[in-house]
Amino acid sequence: MGLLLKVAVFAIAAYMVWGMVRRWFGVLRGSNGAPPPATSRRAPASPTPPSAGSTSGGPPVEETRQCRVCGAYVSLSAGKCGRPDCP
């Protein structure tokens, strides 16, 4: 009975060591900077442009112009920025 217990404890300890070694090799393999192996991936589908009558639900787009003084692009509907030389 004592021999069977020793074999079982040794088997459990060996299994735990093997699992730890596999985990560490996985960590080291993932951190060495090598690219992952190439797999057959599909190319992402190109987005289709929205039709003229549909609304996209994205942020509204505003016309901008370049400031003559600082060169920043500002919205046409924006007021003065507060600078004394702002047009």
PDB file of N, CA and C in Angstrom:
ATOM      1  N   MET A   1       0.826  -1.186   0.000  1.00  0.00           N
ATOM      2  CA  MET A   1       0.000   0.000   0.000  1.00  0.00           C
ATOM      3  C   MET A   1       0.870   1.249   0.000  1.00  0.00           C
ATOM      4  N   GLY A   2       1.998   1.231   0.710  1.00  0.00           N
ATOM      5  CA  GLY A   2       2.875   2.380   0.782  1.00  0.00           C
ATOM      6  C   GLY A   2       3.536   2.673  -0.565  1.00  0.00           C
ATOM      7  N   LEU A   3       3.861   1.615  -1.311  1.00  0.00           N
ATOM      8  CA  LEU A   3       4.478   1.795  -2.615  1.00  0.00           C
ATOM      9  C   LEU A   3       3.504   2.432  -3.593  1.00  0.00           C
ATOM     10  N   LEU A   4       2.246   2.036  -3.553  1.00  0.00           N
ATOM     11  CA  LEU A   4       1.225   2.604  -4.439  1.00  0.00           C
ATOM     12  C   LEU A   4       1.015   4.094  -4.140  1.00  0.00           C
ATOM     13  N   LEU A   5       1.041   4.455  -2.868  1.00  0.00           N
ATOM     14  CA  LEU A   5       0.903   5.851  -2.480  1.00  0.00           C
ATOM     15  C   LEU A   5       2.093   6.668  -2.982  1.00  0.00           C
ATOM     16  N   LYS A   6       3.302   6.131  -2.868  1.00  0.00           N
ATOM     17  CA  LYS A   6       4.483   6.828  -3.359  1.00  0.00           C
ATOM     18  C   LYS A   6       4.421   7.017  -4.876  1.00  0.00           C
ATOM     19  N   VAL A   7       3.968   6.026  -5.598  1.00  0.00           N
ATOM     20  CA  VAL A   7       3.849   6.131  -7.061  1.00  0.00           C
ATOM     21  C   VAL A   7       2.798   7.175  -7.431  1.00  0.00           C
ATOM     22  N   ALA A   8       1.677   7.205  -6.711  1.00  0.00           N
ATOM     23  CA  ALA A   8       0.619   8.174  -6.991  1.00  0.00           C
ATOM     24  C   ALA A   8       1.107   9.595  -6.701  1.00  0.00           C
ATOM     25  N   VAL A   9       1.804   9.801  -5.599  1.00  0.00           N
ATOM     26  CA  VAL A   9       2.323  11.126  -5.270  1.00  0.00           C
ATOM     27  C   VAL A   9       3.365  11.549  -6.309  1.00  0.00           C
ATOM     28  N   PHE A  10       4.223  10.631  -6.716  1.00  0.00           N
ATOM     29  CA  PHE A  10       5.217  10.951  -7.740  1.00  0.00           C
ATOM     30  C   PHE A  10       4.541  11.301  -9.061  1.00  0.00           C
ATOM     31  N   ALA A  11       3.506  10.591  -9.438  1.00  0.00           N
ATOM     32  CA  ALA A  11       2.787  10.864 -10.691  1.00  0.00           C
ATOM     33  C   ALA A  11       2.120  12.241 -10.642  1.00  0.00           C
ATOM     34  N   ILE A  12       1.522  12.575  -9.518  1.00  0.00           N
ATOM     35  CA  ILE A  12       0.870  13.889  -9.379  1.00  0.00           C
ATOM     36  C   ILE A  12       1.918  14.995  -9.437  1.00  0.00           C
ATOM     37  N   ALA A  13       3.046  14.803  -8.753  1.00  0.00           N
ATOM     38  CA  ALA A  13       4.104  15.812  -8.772  1.00  0.00           C
ATOM     39  C   ALA A  13       4.684  15.963 -10.179  1.00  0.00           C
ATOM     40  N   ALA A  14       4.883  14.862 -10.880  1.00  0.00           N
ATOM     41  CA  ALA A  14       5.412  14.923 -12.237  1.00  0.00           C
ATOM     42  C   ALA A  14       4.425  15.636 -13.166  1.00  0.00           C
ATOM     43  N   TYR A  15       3.144  15.392 -13.021  1.00  0.00           N
ATOM     44  CA  TYR A  15       2.117  16.057 -13.824  1.00  0.00           C
ATOM     45  C   TYR A  15       2.118  17.558 -13.554  1.00  0.00           C
ATOM     46  N   MET A  16       2.271  17.969 -12.313  1.00  0.00           N
ATOM     47  CA  MET A  16       2.295  19.392 -11.974  1.00  0.00           C
ATOM     48  C   MET A  16       3.541  20.069 -12.553  1.00  0.00           C
ATOM     49  N   VAL A  17       4.695  19.399 -12.470  1.00  0.00           N
ATOM     50  CA  VAL A  17       5.923  19.954 -13.030  1.00  0.00           C
ATOM     51  C   VAL A  17       5.795  20.072 -14.544  1.00  0.00           C
ATOM     52  N   TRP A  18       5.249  19.059 -15.192  1.00  0.00           N
ATOM     53  CA  TRP A  18       5.065  19.091 -16.640  1.00  0.00           C
ATOM     54  C   TRP A  18       4.136  20.250 -17.050  1.00  0.00           C
ATOM     55  N   GLY A  19       3.076  20.467 -16.320  1.00  0.00           N
ATOM     56  CA  GLY A  19       2.167  21.573 -16.620  1.00  0.00           C
ATOM     57  C   GLY A  19       2.838  22.921 -16.455  1.00  0.00           C
ATOM     58  N   MET A  20       3.658  23.054 -15.415  1.00  0.00           N
ATOM     59  CA  MET A  20       4.367  24.307 -15.182  1.00  0.00           C
ATOM     60  C   MET A  20       5.388  24.555 -16.299  1.00  0.00           C
ATOM     61  N   VAL A  21       6.104  23.541 -16.724  1.00  0.00           N
ATOM     62  CA  VAL A  21       7.082  23.680 -17.798  1.00  0.00           C
ATOM     63  C   VAL A  21       6.380  24.068 -19.100  1.00  0.00           C
ATOM     64  N   ARG A  22       5.261  23.436 -19.402  1.00  0.00           N
ATOM     65  CA  ARG A  22       4.517  23.786 -20.612  1.00  0.00           C
ATOM     66  C   ARG A  22       4.047  25.241 -20.566  1.00  0.00           C
ATOM     67  N   ARG A  23       3.571  25.682 -19.423  1.00  0.00           N
ATOM     68  CA  ARG A  23       3.099  27.065 -19.291  1.00  0.00           C
ATOM     69  C   ARG A  23       4.252  28.048 -19.478  1.00  0.00           C
ATOM     70  N   TRP A  24       5.404  27.772 -18.870  1.00  0.00           N
ATOM     71  CA  TRP A  24       6.540  28.689 -19.011  1.00  0.00           C
ATOM     72  C   TRP A  24       7.049  28.732 -20.440  1.00  0.00           C
ATOM     73  N   PHE A  25       7.087  27.583 -21.109  1.00  0.00           N
ATOM     74  CA  PHE A  25       7.504  27.596 -22.506  1.00  0.00           C
ATOM     75  C   PHE A  25       6.504  28.366 -23.355  1.00  0.00           C
ATOM     76  N   GLY A  26       5.232  28.298 -23.019  1.00  0.00           N
ATOM     77  CA  GLY A  26       4.233  29.081 -23.739  1.00  0.00           C
ATOM     78  C   GLY A  26       4.425  30.565 -23.518  1.00  0.00           C
ATOM     79  N   VAL A  27       4.760  30.976 -22.306  1.00  0.00           N
ATOM     80  CA  VAL A  27       5.012  32.382 -22.010  1.00  0.00           C
ATOM     81  C   VAL A  27       6.252  32.856 -22.753  1.00  0.00           C
ATOM     82  N   LEU A  28       7.316  32.069 -22.712  1.00  0.00           N
ATOM     83  CA  LEU A  28       8.548  32.457 -23.385  1.00  0.00           C
ATOM     84  C   LEU A  28       8.376  32.493 -24.898  1.00  0.00           C
ATOM     85  N   ARG A  29       7.619  31.583 -25.441  1.00  0.00           N
ATOM     86  CA  ARG A  29       7.405  31.551 -26.875  1.00  0.00           C
ATOM     87  C   ARG A  29       6.585  32.758 -27.315  1.00  0.00           C
ATOM     88  N   GLY A  30       5.642  33.193 -26.500  1.00  0.00           N
ATOM     89  CA  GLY A  30       4.806  34.322 -26.858  1.00  0.00           C
ATOM     90  C   GLY A  30       5.504  35.653 -26.714  1.00  0.00           C
ATOM     91  N   SER A  31       6.555  35.749 -25.915  1.00  0.00           N
ATOM     92  CA  SER A  31       7.194  37.033 -25.665  1.00  0.00           C
ATOM     93  C   SER A  31       8.492  37.220 -26.437  1.00  0.00           C
ATOM     94  N   ASN A  32       8.859  36.314 -27.323  1.00  0.00           N
ATOM     95  CA  ASN A  32      10.135  36.476 -28.008  1.00  0.00           C
ATOM     96  C   ASN A  32      10.035  37.338 -29.248  1.00  0.00           C
ATOM     97  N   GLY A  33       8.868  37.843 -29.585  1.00  0.00           N
ATOM     98  CA  GLY A  33       8.713  38.765 -30.687  1.00  0.00           C
ATOM     99  C   GLY A  33       8.542  38.110 -32.042  1.00  0.00           C
ATOM    100  N   ALA A  34       8.549  36.814 -32.110  1.00  0.00           N
ATOM    101  CA  ALA A  34       8.367  36.150 -33.389  1.00  0.00           C
ATOM    102  C   ALA A  34       6.909  36.278 -33.825  1.00  0.00           C
ATOM    103  N   PRO A  35       6.691  36.474 -35.123  1.00  0.00           N
ATOM    104  CA  PRO A  35       5.307  36.589 -35.581  1.00  0.00           C
ATOM    105  C   PRO A  35       4.593  35.248 -35.480  1.00  0.00           C
ATOM    106  N   PRO A  36       3.281  35.287 -35.290  1.00  0.00           N
ATOM    107  CA  PRO A  36       2.543  34.034 -35.214  1.00  0.00           C
ATOM    108  C   PRO A  36       2.585  33.323 -36.560  1.00  0.00           C
ATOM    109  N   PRO A  37       2.444  32.019 -36.573  1.00  0.00           N
ATOM    110  CA  PRO A  37       2.492  31.294 -37.840  1.00  0.00           C
ATOM    111  C   PRO A  37       1.360  31.741 -38.759  1.00  0.00           C
ATOM    112  N   ALA A  38       1.678  31.769 -40.041  1.00  0.00           N
ATOM    113  CA  ALA A  38       0.694  32.221 -41.026  1.00  0.00           C
ATOM    114  C   ALA A  38      -0.426  31.190 -41.143  1.00  0.00           C
ATOM    115  N   THR A  39      -1.627  31.673 -41.088  1.00  0.00           N
ATOM    116  CA  THR A  39      -2.785  30.812 -41.266  1.00  0.00           C
ATOM    117  C   THR A  39      -3.607  31.355 -42.404  1.00  0.00           C
ATOM    118  N   SER A  40      -4.474  30.558 -42.913  1.00  0.00           N
ATOM    119  CA  SER A  40      -5.314  31.026 -44.016  1.00  0.00           C
ATOM    120  C   SER A  40      -6.413  31.917 -43.456  1.00  0.00           C
ATOM    121  N   ARG A  41      -6.220  33.211 -43.625  1.00  0.00           N
ATOM    122  CA  ARG A  41      -7.199  34.178 -43.149  1.00  0.00           C
ATOM    123  C   ARG A  41      -7.884  34.805 -44.344  1.00  0.00           C
ATOM    124  N   ARG A  42      -9.117  35.104 -44.162  1.00  0.00           N
ATOM    125  CA  ARG A  42      -9.832  35.795 -45.218  1.00  0.00           C
ATOM    126  C   ARG A  42      -9.536  37.285 -45.123  1.00  0.00           C
ATOM    127  N   ALA A  43      -9.507  37.929 -46.270  1.00  0.00           N
ATOM    128  CA  ALA A  43      -9.317  39.372 -46.295  1.00  0.00           C
ATOM    129  C   ALA A  43     -10.573  40.030 -45.738  1.00  0.00           C
ATOM    130  N   PRO A  44     -10.421  41.116 -44.986  1.00  0.00           N
ATOM    131  CA  PRO A  44     -11.611  41.780 -44.456  1.00  0.00           C
ATOM    132  C   PRO A  44     -12.468  42.326 -45.592  1.00  0.00           C
ATOM    133  N   ALA A  45     -13.744  42.247 -45.377  1.00  0.00           N
ATOM    134  CA  ALA A  45     -14.671  42.717 -46.394  1.00  0.00           C
ATOM    135  C   ALA A  45     -14.567  44.224 -46.515  1.00  0.00           C
ATOM    136  N   SER A  46     -14.522  44.709 -47.749  1.00  0.00           N
ATOM    137  CA  SER A  46     -14.428  46.159 -47.933  1.00  0.00           C
ATOM    138  C   SER A  46     -15.786  46.774 -47.613  1.00  0.00           C
ATOM    139  N   PRO A  47     -15.777  47.886 -46.890  1.00  0.00           N
ATOM    140  CA  PRO A  47     -17.059  48.504 -46.536  1.00  0.00           C
ATOM    141  C   PRO A  47     -17.724  49.083 -47.775  1.00  0.00           C
ATOM    142  N   THR A  48     -19.019  48.929 -47.816  1.00  0.00           N
ATOM    143  CA  THR A  48     -19.759  49.466 -48.939  1.00  0.00           C
ATOM    144  C   THR A  48     -20.147  50.900 -48.629  1.00  0.00           C
ATOM    145  N   PRO A  49     -20.018  51.790 -49.593  1.00  0.00           N
ATOM    146  CA  PRO A  49     -20.390  53.175 -49.333  1.00  0.00           C
ATOM    147  C   PRO A  49     -21.898  53.287 -49.129  1.00  0.00           C
ATOM    148  N   PRO A  50     -22.329  54.158 -48.225  1.00  0.00           N
ATOM    149  CA  PRO A  50     -23.760  54.293 -47.991  1.00  0.00           C
ATOM    150  C   PRO A  50     -24.438  54.929 -49.201  1.00  0.00           C
ATOM    151  N   SER A  51     -25.674  54.562 -49.393  1.00  0.00           N
ATOM    152  CA  SER A  51     -26.417  55.133 -50.507  1.00  0.00           C
ATOM    153  C   SER A  51     -26.740  56.591 -50.211  1.00  0.00           C
ATOM    154  N   ALA A  52     -27.132  57.323 -51.229  1.00  0.00           N
ATOM    155  CA  ALA A  52     -27.360  58.760 -51.092  1.00  0.00           C
ATOM    156  C   ALA A  52     -28.500  59.070 -50.135  1.00  0.00           C
ATOM    157  N   GLY A  53     -29.509  58.223 -50.042  1.00  0.00           N
ATOM    158  CA  GLY A  53     -30.667  58.509 -49.206  1.00  0.00           C
ATOM    159  C   GLY A  53     -30.539  58.042 -47.776  1.00  0.00           C
ATOM    160  N   SER A  54     -29.487  57.305 -47.442  1.00  0.00           N
ATOM    161  CA  SER A  54     -29.385  56.765 -46.088  1.00  0.00           C
ATOM    162  C   SER A  54     -28.539  57.669 -45.216  1.00  0.00           C
ATOM    163  N   THR A  55     -28.808  57.634 -43.924  1.00  0.00           N
ATOM    164  CA  THR A  55     -27.986  58.366 -42.970  1.00  0.00           C
ATOM    165  C   THR A  55     -27.070  57.374 -42.288  1.00  0.00           C
ATOM    166  N   SER A  56     -25.824  57.744 -42.122  1.00  0.00           N
ATOM    167  CA  SER A  56     -24.848  56.797 -41.582  1.00  0.00           C
ATOM    168  C   SER A  56     -24.875  56.721 -40.073  1.00  0.00           C
ATOM    169  N   GLY A  57     -25.364  57.736 -39.397  1.00  0.00           N
ATOM    170  CA  GLY A  57     -25.405  57.699 -37.945  1.00  0.00           C
ATOM    171  C   GLY A  57     -24.095  58.095 -37.310  1.00  0.00           C
ATOM    172  N   GLY A  58     -23.088  58.454 -38.125  1.00  0.00           N
ATOM    173  CA  GLY A  58     -21.799  58.881 -37.603  1.00  0.00           C
ATOM    174  C   GLY A  58     -21.854  60.352 -37.222  1.00  0.00           C
ATOM    175  N   PRO A  59     -20.721  60.892 -36.814  1.00  0.00           N
ATOM    176  CA  PRO A  59     -20.698  62.303 -36.442  1.00  0.00           C
ATOM    177  C   PRO A  59     -20.914  63.179 -37.673  1.00  0.00           C
ATOM    178  N   PRO A  60     -21.540  64.319 -37.501  1.00  0.00           N
ATOM    179  CA  PRO A  60     -21.771  65.186 -38.649  1.00  0.00           C
ATOM    180  C   PRO A  60     -20.448  65.770 -39.155  1.00  0.00           C
ATOM    181  N   VAL A  61     -20.394  66.011 -40.440  1.00  0.00           N
ATOM    182  CA  VAL A  61     -19.188  66.545 -41.057  1.00  0.00           C
ATOM    183  C   VAL A  61     -19.423  68.020 -41.344  1.00  0.00           C
ATOM    184  N   GLU A  62     -18.472  68.845 -40.950  1.00  0.00           N
ATOM    185  CA  GLU A  62     -18.591  70.278 -41.160  1.00  0.00           C
ATOM    186  C   GLU A  62     -17.473  70.757 -42.070  1.00  0.00           C
ATOM    187  N   GLU A  63     -17.733  71.811 -42.803  1.00  0.00           N
ATOM    188  CA  GLU A  63     -16.715  72.433 -43.639  1.00  0.00           C
ATOM    189  C   GLU A  63     -15.741  73.195 -42.744  1.00  0.00           C
ATOM    190  N   THR A  64     -14.467  73.159 -43.102  1.00  0.00           N
ATOM    191  CA  THR A  64     -13.452  73.874 -42.327  1.00  0.00           C
ATOM    192  C   THR A  64     -12.652  74.777 -43.253  1.00  0.00           C
ATOM    193  N   ARG A  65     -11.987  75.734 -42.656  1.00  0.00           N
ATOM    194  CA  ARG A  65     -11.086  76.615 -43.395  1.00  0.00           C
ATOM    195  C   ARG A  65      -9.828  76.796 -42.563  1.00  0.00           C
ATOM    196  N   GLN A  66      -8.754  77.157 -43.240  1.00  0.00           N
ATOM    197  CA  GLN A  66      -7.486  77.344 -42.540  1.00  0.00           C
ATOM    198  C   GLN A  66      -7.393  78.776 -42.051  1.00  0.00           C
ATOM    199  N   CYS A  67      -6.994  78.946 -40.792  1.00  0.00           N
ATOM    200  CA  CYS A  67      -6.838  80.263 -40.199  1.00  0.00           C
ATOM    201  C   CYS A  67      -5.633  80.958 -40.836  1.00  0.00           C
ATOM    202  N   ARG A  68      -5.792  82.229 -41.183  1.00  0.00           N
ATOM    203  CA  ARG A  68      -4.696  82.972 -41.813  1.00  0.00           C
ATOM    204  C   ARG A  68      -3.569  83.253 -40.829  1.00  0.00           C
ATOM    205  N   VAL A  69      -3.889  83.303 -39.529  1.00  0.00           N
ATOM    206  CA  VAL A  69      -2.894  83.689 -38.532  1.00  0.00           C
ATOM    207  C   VAL A  69      -2.086  82.495 -38.040  1.00  0.00           C
ATOM    208  N   CYS A  70      -2.795  81.475 -37.509  1.00  0.00           N
ATOM    209  CA  CYS A  70      -2.080  80.358 -36.874  1.00  0.00           C
ATOM    210  C   CYS A  70      -2.005  79.115 -37.749  1.00  0.00           C
ATOM    211  N   GLY A  71      -2.799  79.024 -38.817  1.00  0.00           N
ATOM    212  CA  GLY A  71      -2.739  77.873 -39.705  1.00  0.00           C
ATOM    213  C   GLY A  71      -3.611  76.711 -39.279  1.00  0.00           C
ATOM    214  N   ALA A  72      -4.328  76.830 -38.181  1.00  0.00           N
ATOM    215  CA  ALA A  72      -5.201  75.761 -37.719  1.00  0.00           C
ATOM    216  C   ALA A  72      -6.472  75.740 -38.556  1.00  0.00           C
ATOM    217  N   TYR A  73      -7.057  74.561 -38.707  1.00  0.00           N
ATOM    218  CA  TYR A  73      -8.319  74.437 -39.426  1.00  0.00           C
ATOM    219  C   TYR A  73      -9.466  74.581 -38.436  1.00  0.00           C
ATOM    220  N   VAL A  74     -10.372  75.494 -38.720  1.00  0.00           N
ATOM    221  CA  VAL A  74     -11.509  75.752 -37.842  1.00  0.00           C
ATOM    222  C   VAL A  74     -12.792  75.614 -38.641  1.00  0.00           C
ATOM    223  N   SER A  75     -13.865  75.309 -37.955  1.00  0.00           N
ATOM    224  CA  SER A  75     -15.163  75.142 -38.583  1.00  0.00           C
ATOM    225  C   SER A  75     -15.665  76.493 -39.083  1.00  0.00           C
ATOM    226  N   LEU A  76     -16.393  76.469 -40.191  1.00  0.00           N
ATOM    227  CA  LEU A  76     -16.952  77.706 -40.725  1.00  0.00           C
ATOM    228  C   LEU A  76     -17.987  78.284 -39.777  1.00  0.00           C
ATOM    229  N   SER A  77     -18.663  77.430 -39.008  1.00  0.00           N
ATOM    230  CA  SER A  77     -19.697  77.904 -38.091  1.00  0.00           C
ATOM    231  C   SER A  77     -19.123  78.335 -36.742  1.00  0.00           C
ATOM    232  N   ALA A  78     -17.818  78.144 -36.523  1.00  0.00           N
ATOM    233  CA  ALA A  78     -17.221  78.504 -35.239  1.00  0.00           C
ATOM    234  C   ALA A  78     -17.056  80.010 -35.140  1.00  0.00           C
ATOM    235  N   GLY A  79     -17.184  80.515 -33.931  1.00  0.00           N
ATOM    236  CA  GLY A  79     -16.982  81.939 -33.695  1.00  0.00           C
ATOM    237  C   GLY A  79     -15.518  82.239 -33.514  1.00  0.00           C
ATOM    238  N   LYS A  80     -15.220  83.394 -32.999  1.00  0.00           N
ATOM    239  CA  LYS A  80     -13.838  83.783 -32.749  1.00  0.00           C
ATOM    240  C   LYS A  80     -13.255  82.941 -31.619  1.00  0.00           C
ATOM    241  N   CYS A  81     -11.974  82.707 -31.698  1.00  0.00           N
ATOM    242  CA  CYS A  81     -11.325  81.866 -30.688  1.00  0.00           C
ATOM    243  C   CYS A  81     -10.932  82.648 -29.448  1.00  0.00           C
ATOM    244  N   GLY A  82     -10.937  83.958 -29.501  1.00  0.00           N
ATOM    245  CA  GLY A  82     -10.561  84.739 -28.343  1.00  0.00           C
ATOM    246  C   GLY A  82      -9.212  85.403 -28.466  1.00  0.00           C
ATOM    247  N   ARG A  83      -8.429  85.028 -29.467  1.00  0.00           N
ATOM    248  CA  ARG A  83      -7.140  85.664 -29.679  1.00  0.00           C
ATOM    249  C   ARG A  83      -7.365  87.056 -30.277  1.00  0.00           C
ATOM    250  N   PRO A  84      -6.549  88.014 -29.919  1.00  0.00           N
ATOM    251  CA  PRO A  84      -6.771  89.384 -30.438  1.00  0.00           C
ATOM    252  C   PRO A  84      -6.581  89.479 -31.944  1.00  0.00           C
ATOM    253  N   ASP A  85      -5.723  88.602 -32.535  1.00  0.00           N
ATOM    254  CA  ASP A  85      -5.504  88.686 -33.971  1.00  0.00           C
ATOM    255  C   ASP A  85      -6.301  87.641 -34.757  1.00  0.00           C
ATOM    256  N   CYS A  86      -7.307  87.044 -34.133  1.00  0.00           N
ATOM    257  CA  CYS A  86      -8.135  86.026 -34.802  1.00  0.00           C
ATOM    258  C   CYS A  86      -9.076  86.711 -35.795  1.00  0.00           C
ATOM    259  N   PRO A  87      -9.131  86.234 -37.017  1.00  0.00           N
ATOM    260  CA  PRO A  87     -10.031  86.850 -38.003  1.00  0.00           C
ATOM    261  C   PRO A  87     -11.496  86.601 -37.729  1.00  0.00           C
TER     262      PRO A  87
END
